[in-house]
Protein backbone atom coordinates (compact mmCIF):
# COMPACT_ATOMS: atom_id res chain seq x y z
CA MET A 1 182.03 176.21 149.43
CA GLY A 2 182.64 179.87 148.91
CA ASP A 3 185.51 182.21 148.41
CA ALA A 4 188.51 181.73 150.70
CA ARG A 5 191.68 183.79 150.61
CA ILE A 6 194.65 184.55 152.83
CA ILE A 7 194.63 188.12 154.18
CA GLU A 8 197.78 189.75 155.55
CA ASP A 9 196.03 192.10 157.95
CA ASP A 10 196.20 191.69 161.74
CA ARG A 11 192.43 192.12 162.02
CA TYR A 12 191.91 189.08 159.76
CA SER A 13 194.59 186.62 160.80
CA GLY A 14 194.05 183.15 159.34
CA ILE A 15 191.89 182.22 156.38
CA TYR A 16 189.27 184.83 155.59
CA SER A 17 186.27 183.26 153.88
CA VAL A 18 182.97 184.25 152.32
CA VAL A 19 180.19 181.70 152.79
CA LEU A 20 176.88 181.77 150.92
CA GLY A 21 174.09 179.37 151.82
CA ASN A 22 170.76 178.88 153.57
CA SER A 23 170.01 178.92 157.28
CA GLY A 24 169.29 175.44 158.61
CA GLY A 25 166.83 176.76 161.19
CA ALA A 26 166.33 179.52 163.71
CA SER A 27 169.41 180.92 165.42
CA GLU A 28 170.20 179.71 168.92
CA MET A 29 171.29 182.11 171.68
CA LYS A 30 173.03 181.05 174.88
CA TYR A 31 175.15 182.88 177.42
CA SER A 32 178.87 182.45 178.11
CA PRO A 33 180.06 181.76 181.69
CA THR A 34 180.76 185.50 181.98
CA GLY A 35 177.19 186.38 180.95
CA LYS A 36 177.88 187.48 177.37
CA PRO A 37 175.25 186.48 174.78
CA VAL A 38 176.46 184.06 172.09
CA THR A 39 174.33 183.20 169.05
CA THR A 40 175.01 180.42 166.55
CA VAL A 41 173.49 179.92 163.12
CA SER A 42 173.95 176.80 160.99
CA VAL A 43 174.29 177.47 157.26
CA ALA A 44 174.01 174.81 154.55
CA VAL A 45 176.36 175.55 151.65
CA GLY A 46 175.38 173.67 148.51
CA SER A 47 177.74 171.46 146.59
CA ILE A 48 178.54 171.94 142.91
CA LYS A 49 177.73 168.25 142.40
CA LYS A 50 174.01 167.54 142.74
CA ASP A 51 174.54 164.13 144.36
CA MET A 52 176.65 165.53 147.21
CA PRO A 53 175.11 166.66 150.52
CA PRO A 54 175.61 170.29 151.58
CA GLN A 55 178.54 171.33 153.76
CA TRP A 56 177.37 172.81 157.07
CA VAL A 57 179.11 175.89 158.46
CA THR A 58 178.42 177.24 161.96
CA LEU A 59 178.48 181.03 162.39
CA THR A 60 179.08 182.44 165.89
CA PHE A 61 178.14 185.96 167.00
CA TRP A 62 178.90 187.68 170.29
CA GLU A 63 177.33 190.39 172.48
CA GLU A 64 175.17 193.03 170.69
CA MET A 65 175.51 191.31 167.32
CA ALA A 66 174.42 188.01 168.94
CA GLU A 67 171.23 189.60 170.28
CA THR A 68 170.39 191.22 166.95
CA VAL A 69 171.08 188.14 164.83
CA ASN A 70 168.95 186.07 167.21
CA LYS A 71 165.98 188.41 166.57
CA VAL A 72 166.37 188.31 162.78
CA VAL A 73 167.38 184.72 161.89
CA THR A 74 164.14 183.07 163.02
CA ASP A 75 163.50 180.59 160.24
CA LYS A 76 164.95 177.88 158.06
CA GLY A 77 165.85 178.77 154.46
CA LEU A 78 166.96 182.40 154.81
CA ARG A 79 169.80 183.27 152.41
CA ILE A 80 172.94 183.97 154.44
CA ARG A 81 176.20 185.49 153.26
CA ALA A 82 178.88 185.76 155.93
CA GLU A 83 182.49 186.92 155.93
CA GLY A 84 185.02 186.11 158.59
CA ARG A 85 187.83 183.92 159.83
CA ILE A 86 187.08 180.27 159.14
CA THR A 87 188.36 177.36 161.21
CA GLN A 88 188.02 173.60 160.93
CA GLU A 89 187.34 171.35 163.90
CA LEU A 90 187.99 167.60 163.68
CA TYR A 91 186.01 165.13 165.78
CA LYS A 92 185.10 161.45 165.94
CA GLY A 93 181.59 160.57 164.78
CA PHE A 94 179.37 157.92 166.35
CA ASP A 95 180.78 155.44 163.84
CA GLN A 96 184.31 156.33 165.06
CA THR A 97 185.31 157.94 161.74
CA ILE A 98 187.04 161.31 161.71
CA LYS A 99 184.69 164.10 160.64
CA SER A 100 185.12 167.86 160.34
CA LYS A 101 183.09 170.95 161.15
CA LEU A 102 183.65 174.36 159.61
CA LYS A 103 183.09 177.42 161.79
CA ILE A 104 183.27 181.15 161.33
CA THR A 105 183.81 182.47 164.84
CA ASP A 106 184.82 186.03 164.04
CA VAL A 107 182.15 187.27 161.62
CA LYS A 108 183.13 190.63 160.06
CA GLY A 109 180.13 191.02 157.77
CA LEU A 110 176.73 189.40 157.46
CA TRP A 111 174.03 189.71 154.84
CA ILE A 112 170.60 188.18 155.30
CA GLY A 113 168.17 187.70 152.45
CA ASN A 114 164.86 186.12 151.68
CA ARG A 115 164.25 183.23 149.32
CA LYS A 116 164.26 185.66 146.39
CA ASN A 117 167.93 186.59 147.11
CA ILE A 118 167.13 190.15 148.19
CA PHE A 119 169.88 190.91 150.70
CA VAL A 120 169.87 193.31 153.63
CA GLU A 121 173.39 194.27 154.66
CA VAL A 122 174.22 193.81 158.30
CA ILE A 123 177.57 195.13 159.47
CA VAL A 124 179.22 194.49 162.82
CA GLY A 125 179.70 197.87 164.46
CA ASP A 126 178.13 201.24 163.67
CA LYS A 127 175.15 200.09 161.61
CA LEU A 128 174.00 197.44 164.06
CA ALA A 129 170.83 199.37 165.00
CA ASP A 130 169.64 199.53 161.38
CA ILE A 131 169.15 195.79 161.04
CA GLU A 132 165.72 195.49 162.67
CA SER A 133 163.98 198.13 160.56
CA ARG A 134 165.72 196.90 157.41
CA ALA A 135 164.75 193.31 158.23
CA LYS A 136 161.08 194.38 158.40
CA ASP A 137 161.47 195.88 154.92
CA LEU A 138 162.95 192.57 153.79
CA ALA A 139 159.97 190.62 155.15
CA LEU A 140 157.61 192.97 153.29
CA ALA A 141 159.53 192.35 150.04
CA GLU A 142 158.62 188.65 150.18
């Protein structure tokens, strides 16, 4: 599914993972009860075995990053590379079997690319404003 490792740094408590896959569709932005924007993106991570379905991972972004990601991830099939703290959520499916969802709720780094694997680096924090102009360059590269 990607590269997962244990990090002993307070900023990255838990399992820090790198996920590489394709967006399953446009991002979806909602607002928290306190009015903060929250954007989610579903990413399909391919299996090594060809006969296995992909594993879906949900990425969650907050506030300024949520607004920016919502503007950029507008289509299915974009290459996504995300780094952050990964968690697993168990739930009962319609058939009453136990299923699991993987989520990265604290994304520390995000790269978005086109179908030709040309990546534009998007970093939470200082370089947030660069994403829109760099994303236009990415679209032109297709």
